[in-house]
N, C-alpha and C. Protein backbone atom coordinates (compact mmCIF):
# COMPACT_ATOMS: atom_id res chain seq x y z
N MET A 1 299.90 -29.57 115.73
CA MET A 1 299.08 -28.70 115.65
C MET A 1 299.90 -27.26 115.67
N ALA A 2 299.84 -26.57 114.27
CA ALA A 2 300.10 -24.83 113.86
C ALA A 2 300.31 -24.18 115.16
N GLU A 3 300.85 -23.42 115.53
CA GLU A 3 300.88 -22.15 116.37
C GLU A 3 300.09 -20.95 115.68
N PRO A 4 299.51 -20.38 116.79
CA PRO A 4 298.26 -19.19 116.39
C PRO A 4 299.16 -18.12 115.85
N TYR A 5 299.52 -17.36 114.69
CA TYR A 5 299.48 -16.25 113.87
C TYR A 5 298.99 -14.76 115.13
N VAL A 6 300.70 -14.40 115.97
CA VAL A 6 300.52 -13.07 116.49
C VAL A 6 301.41 -12.10 116.12
N GLU A 7 300.55 -11.42 115.77
CA GLU A 7 301.12 -9.95 115.22
C GLU A 7 302.02 -9.59 115.64
N GLN A 8 303.19 -9.02 115.30
CA GLN A 8 304.45 -8.49 116.39
C GLN A 8 304.30 -6.99 115.79
N VAL A 9 304.55 -6.11 116.74
CA VAL A 9 304.09 -4.78 116.77
C VAL A 9 305.53 -4.09 116.45
N GLU A 10 305.50 -3.20 115.22
CA GLU A 10 307.05 -2.46 115.40
C GLU A 10 306.93 -1.49 116.35
N TYR A 11 308.00 -1.43 116.83
CA TYR A 11 308.15 0.38 117.44
C TYR A 11 309.24 0.67 116.79
N LEU A 12 308.94 2.03 116.73
CA LEU A 12 310.16 2.97 116.01
C LEU A 12 310.37 4.14 117.00
N ASP A 13 312.23 4.31 116.75
CA ASP A 13 312.61 5.50 117.47
C ASP A 13 311.92 7.10 116.83
N ASN A 14 311.51 7.80 117.76
CA ASN A 14 310.69 8.95 118.03
C ASN A 14 312.23 10.05 117.45
N LEU A 15 311.77 10.83 116.93
CA LEU A 15 313.30 12.15 117.09
C LEU A 15 312.88 13.42 116.22
N THR A 16 314.11 14.36 116.69
CA THR A 16 313.43 15.91 117.10
C THR A 16 313.00 16.13 115.85
N LYS A 17 312.98 17.31 115.01
CA LYS A 17 312.70 17.77 113.46
C LYS A 17 314.12 17.70 112.92
N ILE A 18 315.84 17.92 113.51
CA ILE A 18 316.48 17.90 113.13
C ILE A 18 317.80 16.33 112.94
N GLY A 19 316.17 15.12 113.73
CA GLY A 19 316.60 13.89 113.62
C GLY A 19 316.97 13.07 114.68
N LYS A 20 317.46 14.07 115.56
CA LYS A 20 318.47 13.69 117.05
C LYS A 20 317.12 12.53 117.59
N LYS A 21 317.89 11.62 118.05
CA LYS A 21 317.00 10.71 118.92
C LYS A 21 316.62 10.78 120.17
N ILE A 22 315.17 10.85 120.12
CA ILE A 22 314.58 11.35 121.60
C ILE A 22 314.38 9.81 122.56
N SER A 23 314.18 10.00 123.85
CA SER A 23 314.10 8.54 124.57
C SER A 23 312.31 8.13 124.27
N VAL A 24 311.72 8.08 123.36
CA VAL A 24 311.03 7.47 123.61
C VAL A 24 310.64 6.76 121.88
N SER A 25 310.26 5.69 122.27
CA SER A 25 309.88 4.95 120.73
C SER A 25 307.96 4.30 121.30
N LYS A 26 307.73 4.39 119.72
CA LYS A 26 306.26 4.34 119.72
C LYS A 26 305.87 2.76 119.04
N PRO A 27 304.88 2.32 118.97
CA PRO A 27 304.06 1.51 117.73
C PRO A 27 303.87 2.24 117.05
N ARG A 28 304.61 1.69 115.32
CA ARG A 28 304.36 2.27 113.86
C ARG A 28 303.21 2.62 113.76
N GLY A 29 302.16 2.63 114.39
CA GLY A 29 300.94 2.58 113.61
C GLY A 29 300.56 4.58 114.66
N ASP A 30 300.83 4.17 115.89
CA ASP A 30 300.61 5.65 116.88
C ASP A 30 301.67 6.76 116.04
N VAL A 31 303.32 6.10 115.42
CA VAL A 31 304.32 7.10 115.15
C VAL A 31 303.40 7.88 113.68
N HIS A 32 302.68 6.71 112.77
CA HIS A 32 301.88 7.77 111.72
C HIS A 32 300.76 8.61 111.95
N ARG A 33 299.62 7.78 112.97
CA ARG A 33 298.91 8.05 113.10
C ARG A 33 299.40 10.02 113.77
N ASP A 34 300.62 9.50 114.64
CA ASP A 34 300.78 11.28 115.79
C ASP A 34 301.67 11.99 114.88
N GLY A 35 302.17 11.96 113.46
CA GLY A 35 302.72 12.20 112.64
C GLY A 35 304.41 12.18 113.61
N ASP A 36 305.04 11.85 114.10
CA ASP A 36 306.07 11.98 114.40
C ASP A 36 307.16 11.78 113.84
N TYR A 37 308.74 12.32 113.80
CA TYR A 37 309.53 11.80 112.77
C TYR A 37 310.36 10.71 113.47
N HIS A 38 310.44 9.87 112.86
CA HIS A 38 311.11 8.81 112.72
C HIS A 38 312.22 8.40 111.46
N LYS A 39 313.04 7.62 111.12
CA LYS A 39 314.19 6.93 110.63
C LYS A 39 313.10 6.06 109.72
N ALA A 40 313.02 6.49 108.22
CA ALA A 40 313.25 4.96 107.47
C ALA A 40 314.48 5.23 106.32
N VAL A 41 314.33 3.84 105.43
CA VAL A 41 315.61 3.46 104.68
C VAL A 41 315.32 3.11 103.68
N HIS A 42 316.44 3.44 102.67
CA HIS A 42 315.70 3.63 100.74
C HIS A 42 316.97 3.05 100.36
N VAL A 43 316.75 2.24 99.92
CA VAL A 43 317.73 1.24 99.12
C VAL A 43 317.82 1.61 97.10
N TRP A 44 317.98 2.67 96.37
CA TRP A 44 318.11 3.00 94.66
C TRP A 44 318.19 1.66 94.58
N ASN A 45 317.94 0.89 93.68
CA ASN A 45 318.05 -0.25 92.46
C ASN A 45 318.86 0.08 91.25
N PHE A 46 319.78 0.31 91.01
CA PHE A 46 319.99 0.74 89.36
C PHE A 46 320.90 -0.03 88.75
N ALA A 47 320.09 -0.38 87.70
CA ALA A 47 320.82 -1.58 86.10
C ALA A 47 321.47 -1.00 85.89
N GLU A 48 322.75 -0.95 86.05
CA GLU A 48 323.91 -0.23 85.35
C GLU A 48 324.30 -0.81 83.66
N ARG A 49 323.80 -1.30 83.41
CA ARG A 49 324.26 -2.09 82.17
C ARG A 49 323.24 -1.50 81.60
N THR A 50 321.62 -1.16 81.88
CA THR A 50 320.67 -0.85 80.87
C THR A 50 320.29 0.63 81.73
N GLN A 51 321.25 1.22 82.56
CA GLN A 51 320.76 2.12 82.85
C GLN A 51 319.51 2.78 83.38
N GLU A 52 318.87 2.07 84.26
CA GLU A 52 317.26 1.70 84.46
C GLU A 52 317.70 1.83 85.92
N LEU A 53 316.44 2.64 86.75
CA LEU A 53 316.18 3.19 88.12
C LEU A 53 314.97 2.10 88.39
N LEU A 54 314.85 0.90 88.84
CA LEU A 54 314.39 -0.04 89.29
C LEU A 54 312.78 0.07 90.31
N LEU A 55 311.45 0.12 89.83
CA LEU A 55 310.95 0.35 90.74
C LEU A 55 310.04 -0.40 91.13
N GLN A 56 308.83 -0.13 92.17
CA GLN A 56 307.92 -1.32 92.51
C GLN A 56 306.70 -0.47 92.77
N LYS A 57 305.41 -1.10 92.70
CA LYS A 57 304.28 -0.60 92.88
C LYS A 57 303.74 -1.09 94.18
N ARG A 58 303.48 -0.15 95.19
CA ARG A 58 303.47 -0.49 96.43
C ARG A 58 301.60 -1.00 96.54
N ALA A 59 301.98 -2.01 97.54
CA ALA A 59 300.79 -2.87 97.70
C ALA A 59 299.22 -2.18 97.78
N ASP A 60 297.94 -2.13 97.39
CA ASP A 60 296.93 -1.47 97.38
C ASP A 60 296.15 -1.54 99.24
N CYS A 61 296.80 -2.92 99.91
CA CYS A 61 297.00 -2.42 101.01
C CYS A 61 297.68 -1.64 102.49
N LYS A 62 298.72 -1.41 102.00
CA LYS A 62 299.77 -0.38 102.17
C LYS A 62 298.81 0.71 102.98
N ASP A 63 299.32 1.49 104.34
CA ASP A 63 298.75 1.97 105.38
C ASP A 63 298.77 3.39 104.41
N SER A 64 299.99 3.31 103.72
CA SER A 64 300.53 5.19 103.05
C SER A 64 300.38 4.87 101.61
N TRP A 65 300.57 5.78 100.74
CA TRP A 65 300.77 5.80 99.33
C TRP A 65 299.99 4.32 98.58
N PRO A 66 298.47 3.53 98.88
CA PRO A 66 298.97 2.60 98.51
C PRO A 66 298.76 2.54 96.93
N GLY A 67 298.55 1.54 96.21
CA GLY A 67 298.97 1.38 94.61
C GLY A 67 300.06 2.05 94.24
N LEU A 68 300.95 2.98 94.21
CA LEU A 68 301.58 4.26 93.73
C LEU A 68 302.67 3.48 93.40
N TRP A 69 303.66 4.11 92.12
CA TRP A 69 304.75 3.33 92.19
C TRP A 69 306.13 4.34 93.60
N ASP A 70 306.51 2.77 93.72
CA ASP A 70 307.84 3.76 94.52
C ASP A 70 309.39 3.11 94.30
N ILE A 71 310.60 3.87 95.62
CA ILE A 71 311.73 3.47 94.70
C ILE A 71 311.56 1.17 95.60
N SER A 72 312.42 0.78 95.02
CA SER A 72 312.61 -0.89 95.05
C SER A 72 312.51 -0.91 96.72
N SER A 73 313.14 -0.83 97.52
CA SER A 73 312.60 -1.27 98.08
C SER A 73 313.53 -0.63 99.69
N ALA A 74 312.37 0.02 100.31
CA ALA A 74 313.14 0.91 101.12
C ALA A 74 311.95 0.03 102.36
N GLY A 75 311.86 1.00 103.49
CA GLY A 75 311.61 0.44 105.38
C GLY A 75 311.77 1.14 106.06
N HIS A 76 310.94 0.87 107.27
CA HIS A 76 311.15 1.84 108.57
C HIS A 76 312.44 1.19 109.64
N ILE A 77 313.50 1.66 109.92
CA ILE A 77 313.84 1.49 110.82
C ILE A 77 313.54 1.59 112.45
N SER A 78 313.84 0.06 112.41
CA SER A 78 313.55 -0.42 114.11
C SER A 78 313.95 0.17 114.69
N ALA A 79 313.01 0.62 115.95
CA ALA A 79 314.10 1.11 117.55
C ALA A 79 315.10 0.43 117.47
N GLY A 80 315.80 1.30 117.84
CA GLY A 80 317.52 0.65 118.52
C GLY A 80 318.21 -0.13 116.90
N ASP A 81 317.74 0.09 116.40
CA ASP A 81 318.50 -0.75 114.78
C ASP A 81 319.43 0.57 114.07
N SER A 82 320.25 0.37 113.03
CA SER A 82 321.01 0.91 112.43
C SER A 82 320.43 1.24 110.98
N SER A 83 320.69 2.19 110.51
CA SER A 83 320.21 2.13 108.98
C SER A 83 321.10 1.45 107.67
N LEU A 84 322.57 1.05 108.06
CA LEU A 84 323.13 0.54 107.30
C LEU A 84 322.61 -1.13 107.51
N ILE A 85 322.06 -1.87 108.90
CA ILE A 85 321.24 -3.18 109.45
C ILE A 85 319.93 -2.79 108.30
N THR A 86 319.63 -1.71 108.41
CA THR A 86 318.20 -1.61 107.95
C THR A 86 318.09 -1.89 106.40
N ALA A 87 318.82 -1.10 105.44
CA ALA A 87 319.14 -1.41 104.84
C ALA A 87 319.35 -2.78 103.74
N GLN A 88 320.59 -3.51 104.98
CA GLN A 88 320.76 -4.80 104.46
C GLN A 88 319.34 -5.87 104.73
N VAL A 89 318.99 -5.81 105.56
CA VAL A 89 317.84 -6.40 105.78
C VAL A 89 316.38 -6.36 104.45
N GLN A 90 316.72 -4.82 104.16
CA GLN A 90 315.61 -4.63 102.90
C GLN A 90 316.08 -5.12 102.13
N TYR A 91 317.29 -5.08 101.16
CA TYR A 91 317.71 -5.32 99.80
C TYR A 91 317.96 -6.92 99.47
N PHE A 92 317.74 -7.57 101.00
CA PHE A 92 318.35 -8.89 100.95
C PHE A 92 317.07 -9.56 101.18
N GLN A 93 315.67 -9.07 101.28
CA GLN A 93 314.99 -10.21 101.54
C GLN A 93 313.72 -10.10 100.49
């Protein structure tokens, strides 16, 4: 028998306006709802041979900017994670 699907809640570290981490982490949806500052990482994919910047169209189900063009690989930095680790995870997914 298959295990039931349990949605994982992603927690994000809250930041000050200048990017300093404060001691509060909140669920992603709460951070977006409240307009809190938080980290994200963007990995730009550039095809050197053809001099093209590779983009992707965001899924229509996204809660922000659905169906619009965006950079190729991006994501929130989960509470306690680093920019480098998150960038590597985003790029290799």
